Amino acid sequence: MSEGLVRHLAQYAAYHRDRRNVATHMVGIPLIVLGVEVLLSRPQFAILGVQLSPVDFAIVAVCCFYFTLDRRLACGMAVLLAAGAVIGGKIAEQEAALWLGWGLGLFVVGWLFQFLGHVWEGRKPAFLDDLRGLIIGPLFVLAEAVFHFGRRLELRRKIEERLAAE
């Protein structure tokens, strides 16, 4: 595990100490990510016979960043993002109103969960101080899920140590 991973997750975790806030993020962030994936699933175009859309390039870019931090979590994110892209692609095949409705609806509902959590937390969202929080948020959710199942506890310990030192 890289120092960058610990630094990024600790910085994000500092804004998310209230368990209710973390719980709302476990719902809100996946909804936001899926909403973005739906919206980025149009237009679709072919390059060398391969059907692509903007979401494919976004996933590659964000996963490249995640891989610089941690290979195992990056692989998990790649699988989750690919699944979201498949769902987004199916929705994008529908008429424009349905595609936009689902994409924007998921996005807005996800942000409502986020802001409710931050009301409970009594602290503004991390991305307001550092835009990287928008990319770290999904990784934080995956890490929290992994911790919940008793995995990567050394990473959790290092994050908590870093938070205690600050």
Protein backbone atom coordinates (compact mmCIF):
# COMPACT_ATOMS: atom_id res chain seq x y z
CA MET A 1 0.00 0.00 0.00
CA SER A 2 1.32 3.39 -0.94
CA GLU A 3 1.76 6.41 1.27
CA GLY A 4 -0.38 8.26 -1.28
CA LEU A 5 -3.28 5.88 -0.66
CA VAL A 6 -3.09 6.39 3.10
CA ARG A 7 -2.77 10.17 2.66
CA HIS A 8 -5.72 10.47 0.28
CA LEU A 9 -8.02 8.18 2.27
CA ALA A 10 -7.08 9.82 5.59
CA GLN A 11 -7.69 13.28 4.16
CA TYR A 12 -11.10 12.15 2.90
CA ALA A 13 -11.90 10.26 6.13
CA ALA A 14 -11.25 13.42 8.17
CA TYR A 15 -14.47 14.82 6.67
CA HIS A 16 -16.37 11.60 7.37
CA ARG A 17 -16.09 10.65 11.06
CA ASP A 18 -19.82 10.37 11.82
CA ARG A 19 -21.04 6.84 11.04
CA ARG A 20 -24.33 8.23 9.70
CA ASN A 21 -22.39 10.33 7.21
CA VAL A 22 -20.37 7.30 6.13
CA ALA A 23 -23.62 5.33 5.76
CA THR A 24 -25.17 8.00 3.53
CA HIS A 25 -21.99 7.99 1.44
CA MET A 26 -22.25 4.22 1.00
CA VAL A 27 -25.53 4.90 -0.82
CA GLY A 28 -24.98 8.37 -2.25
CA ILE A 29 -21.59 7.92 -3.90
CA PRO A 30 -22.56 4.79 -5.86
CA LEU A 31 -25.71 6.59 -7.04
CA ILE A 32 -23.67 9.62 -8.15
CA VAL A 33 -21.09 7.45 -9.92
CA LEU A 34 -23.79 5.45 -11.69
CA GLY A 35 -25.57 8.67 -12.67
CA VAL A 36 -22.35 10.03 -14.18
CA GLU A 37 -21.76 6.73 -15.97
CA VAL A 38 -25.27 6.85 -17.42
CA LEU A 39 -24.78 10.42 -18.62
CA LEU A 40 -21.34 9.66 -20.10
CA SER A 41 -22.67 6.61 -21.95
CA ARG A 42 -23.74 8.86 -24.83
CA PRO A 43 -22.72 9.42 -27.52
CA GLN A 44 -21.64 5.97 -28.59
CA PHE A 45 -19.17 5.61 -31.43
CA ALA A 46 -16.92 2.96 -32.94
CA ILE A 47 -13.13 3.02 -33.05
CA LEU A 48 -11.56 0.15 -34.98
CA GLY A 49 -14.83 -1.73 -34.72
CA VAL A 50 -15.06 -1.35 -30.93
CA GLN A 51 -18.14 0.43 -29.59
CA LEU A 52 -17.08 3.16 -27.13
CA SER A 53 -18.49 6.18 -25.32
CA PRO A 54 -17.02 8.90 -23.10
CA VAL A 55 -17.59 6.74 -20.01
CA ASP A 56 -14.98 4.27 -21.25
CA PHE A 57 -12.28 6.94 -21.38
CA ALA A 58 -13.30 8.28 -17.96
CA ILE A 59 -13.05 4.81 -16.42
CA VAL A 60 -9.59 4.23 -17.90
CA ALA A 61 -8.39 7.61 -16.63
CA VAL A 62 -9.70 7.22 -13.09
CA CYS A 63 -8.52 3.60 -12.84
CA CYS A 64 -5.01 4.65 -13.93
CA PHE A 65 -5.00 7.05 -10.97
CA TYR A 66 -6.33 4.36 -8.61
CA PHE A 67 -3.59 1.97 -9.80
CA THR A 68 -0.94 4.49 -8.72
CA LEU A 69 -2.39 4.23 -5.21
CA ASP A 70 -3.20 0.54 -4.77
CA ARG A 71 -3.51 -2.32 -7.25
CA ARG A 72 -6.04 -4.40 -5.33
CA LEU A 73 -8.46 -1.54 -4.66
CA ALA A 74 -7.96 -0.33 -8.24
CA CYS A 75 -8.96 -3.75 -9.56
CA GLY A 76 -12.08 -3.67 -7.39
CA MET A 77 -12.93 -0.19 -8.65
CA ALA A 78 -12.34 -1.28 -12.25
CA VAL A 79 -14.85 -4.14 -11.84
CA LEU A 80 -17.43 -1.90 -10.18
CA LEU A 81 -17.00 0.89 -12.72
CA ALA A 82 -17.21 -1.58 -15.61
CA ALA A 83 -20.46 -2.97 -14.20
CA GLY A 84 -21.80 0.59 -13.93
CA ALA A 85 -20.76 1.26 -17.51
CA VAL A 86 -22.72 -1.77 -18.69
CA ILE A 87 -25.80 -0.53 -16.82
CA GLY A 88 -25.21 3.01 -18.10
CA GLY A 89 -24.87 1.72 -21.64
CA LYS A 90 -28.18 -0.13 -21.44
CA ILE A 91 -29.92 2.99 -20.15
CA ALA A 92 -28.22 5.15 -22.81
CA GLU A 93 -29.75 2.94 -25.50
CA GLN A 94 -33.21 4.14 -24.45
CA GLU A 95 -34.91 7.31 -25.67
CA ALA A 96 -33.23 10.56 -24.66
CA ALA A 97 -35.77 11.53 -21.99
CA LEU A 98 -35.39 8.20 -20.22
CA TRP A 99 -31.58 8.33 -20.46
CA LEU A 100 -31.43 11.88 -19.10
CA GLY A 101 -34.07 11.18 -16.45
CA TRP A 102 -32.18 8.22 -15.06
CA GLY A 103 -28.77 9.87 -15.28
CA LEU A 104 -29.82 13.15 -13.69
CA GLY A 105 -32.14 11.43 -11.21
CA LEU A 106 -29.43 9.12 -9.90
CA PHE A 107 -26.99 12.03 -9.73
CA VAL A 108 -29.35 14.32 -7.80
CA VAL A 109 -30.60 11.66 -5.38
CA GLY A 110 -27.00 10.64 -4.70
CA TRP A 111 -26.08 14.24 -3.84
CA LEU A 112 -29.11 14.51 -1.55
CA PHE A 113 -27.76 11.56 0.42
CA GLN A 114 -24.32 13.22 0.50
CA PHE A 115 -25.60 16.53 1.81
CA LEU A 116 -27.81 14.85 4.42
CA GLY A 117 -24.74 13.03 5.71
CA HIS A 118 -22.77 16.24 5.90
CA VAL A 119 -25.60 17.90 7.85
CA TRP A 120 -25.20 15.12 10.43
CA GLU A 121 -21.42 15.43 10.27
CA GLY A 122 -21.59 19.20 10.72
CA ARG A 123 -18.81 19.61 8.20
CA LYS A 124 -18.68 20.56 4.53
CA PRO A 125 -17.91 17.94 1.87
CA ALA A 126 -14.22 17.18 1.29
CA PHE A 127 -14.30 18.18 -2.38
CA LEU A 128 -15.02 21.80 -1.42
CA ASP A 129 -11.45 21.99 -0.08
CA ASP A 130 -9.85 19.63 -2.59
CA LEU A 131 -11.46 18.58 -5.87
CA ARG A 132 -9.61 15.25 -5.70
CA GLY A 133 -12.26 14.31 -3.15
CA LEU A 134 -14.59 13.70 -6.08
CA ILE A 135 -12.28 10.91 -7.28
CA ILE A 136 -11.29 9.64 -3.82
CA GLY A 137 -14.91 9.34 -2.65
CA PRO A 138 -15.69 6.16 -4.60
CA LEU A 139 -12.38 4.63 -3.46
CA PHE A 140 -13.26 5.54 0.14
CA VAL A 141 -16.61 3.74 -0.20
CA LEU A 142 -14.90 0.62 -1.53
CA ALA A 143 -12.29 0.76 1.23
CA GLU A 144 -15.01 1.11 3.88
CA ALA A 145 -16.82 -1.91 2.44
CA VAL A 146 -13.57 -3.90 2.44
CA PHE A 147 -12.92 -2.89 6.07
CA HIS A 148 -16.47 -3.91 7.01
CA PHE A 149 -15.71 -7.45 5.82
CA GLY A 150 -12.52 -7.63 7.89
CA ARG A 151 -10.07 -7.06 5.05
CA ARG A 152 -7.22 -4.58 4.65
CA LEU A 153 -7.30 -3.77 8.37
CA GLU A 154 -3.66 -2.67 8.26
CA LEU A 155 -4.71 0.04 5.82
CA ARG A 156 -7.52 1.09 8.16
CA ARG A 157 -5.06 1.22 11.06
CA LYS A 158 -2.67 3.45 9.11
CA ILE A 159 -5.49 5.78 8.14
CA GLU A 160 -6.62 6.06 11.76
CA GLU A 161 -3.03 6.65 12.93
CA ARG A 162 -2.63 9.44 10.40
CA LEU A 163 -5.90 11.02 11.50
CA ALA A 164 -4.87 10.84 15.17
CA ALA A 165 -1.55 12.51 14.38
CA GLU A 166 -3.20 15.48 12.64
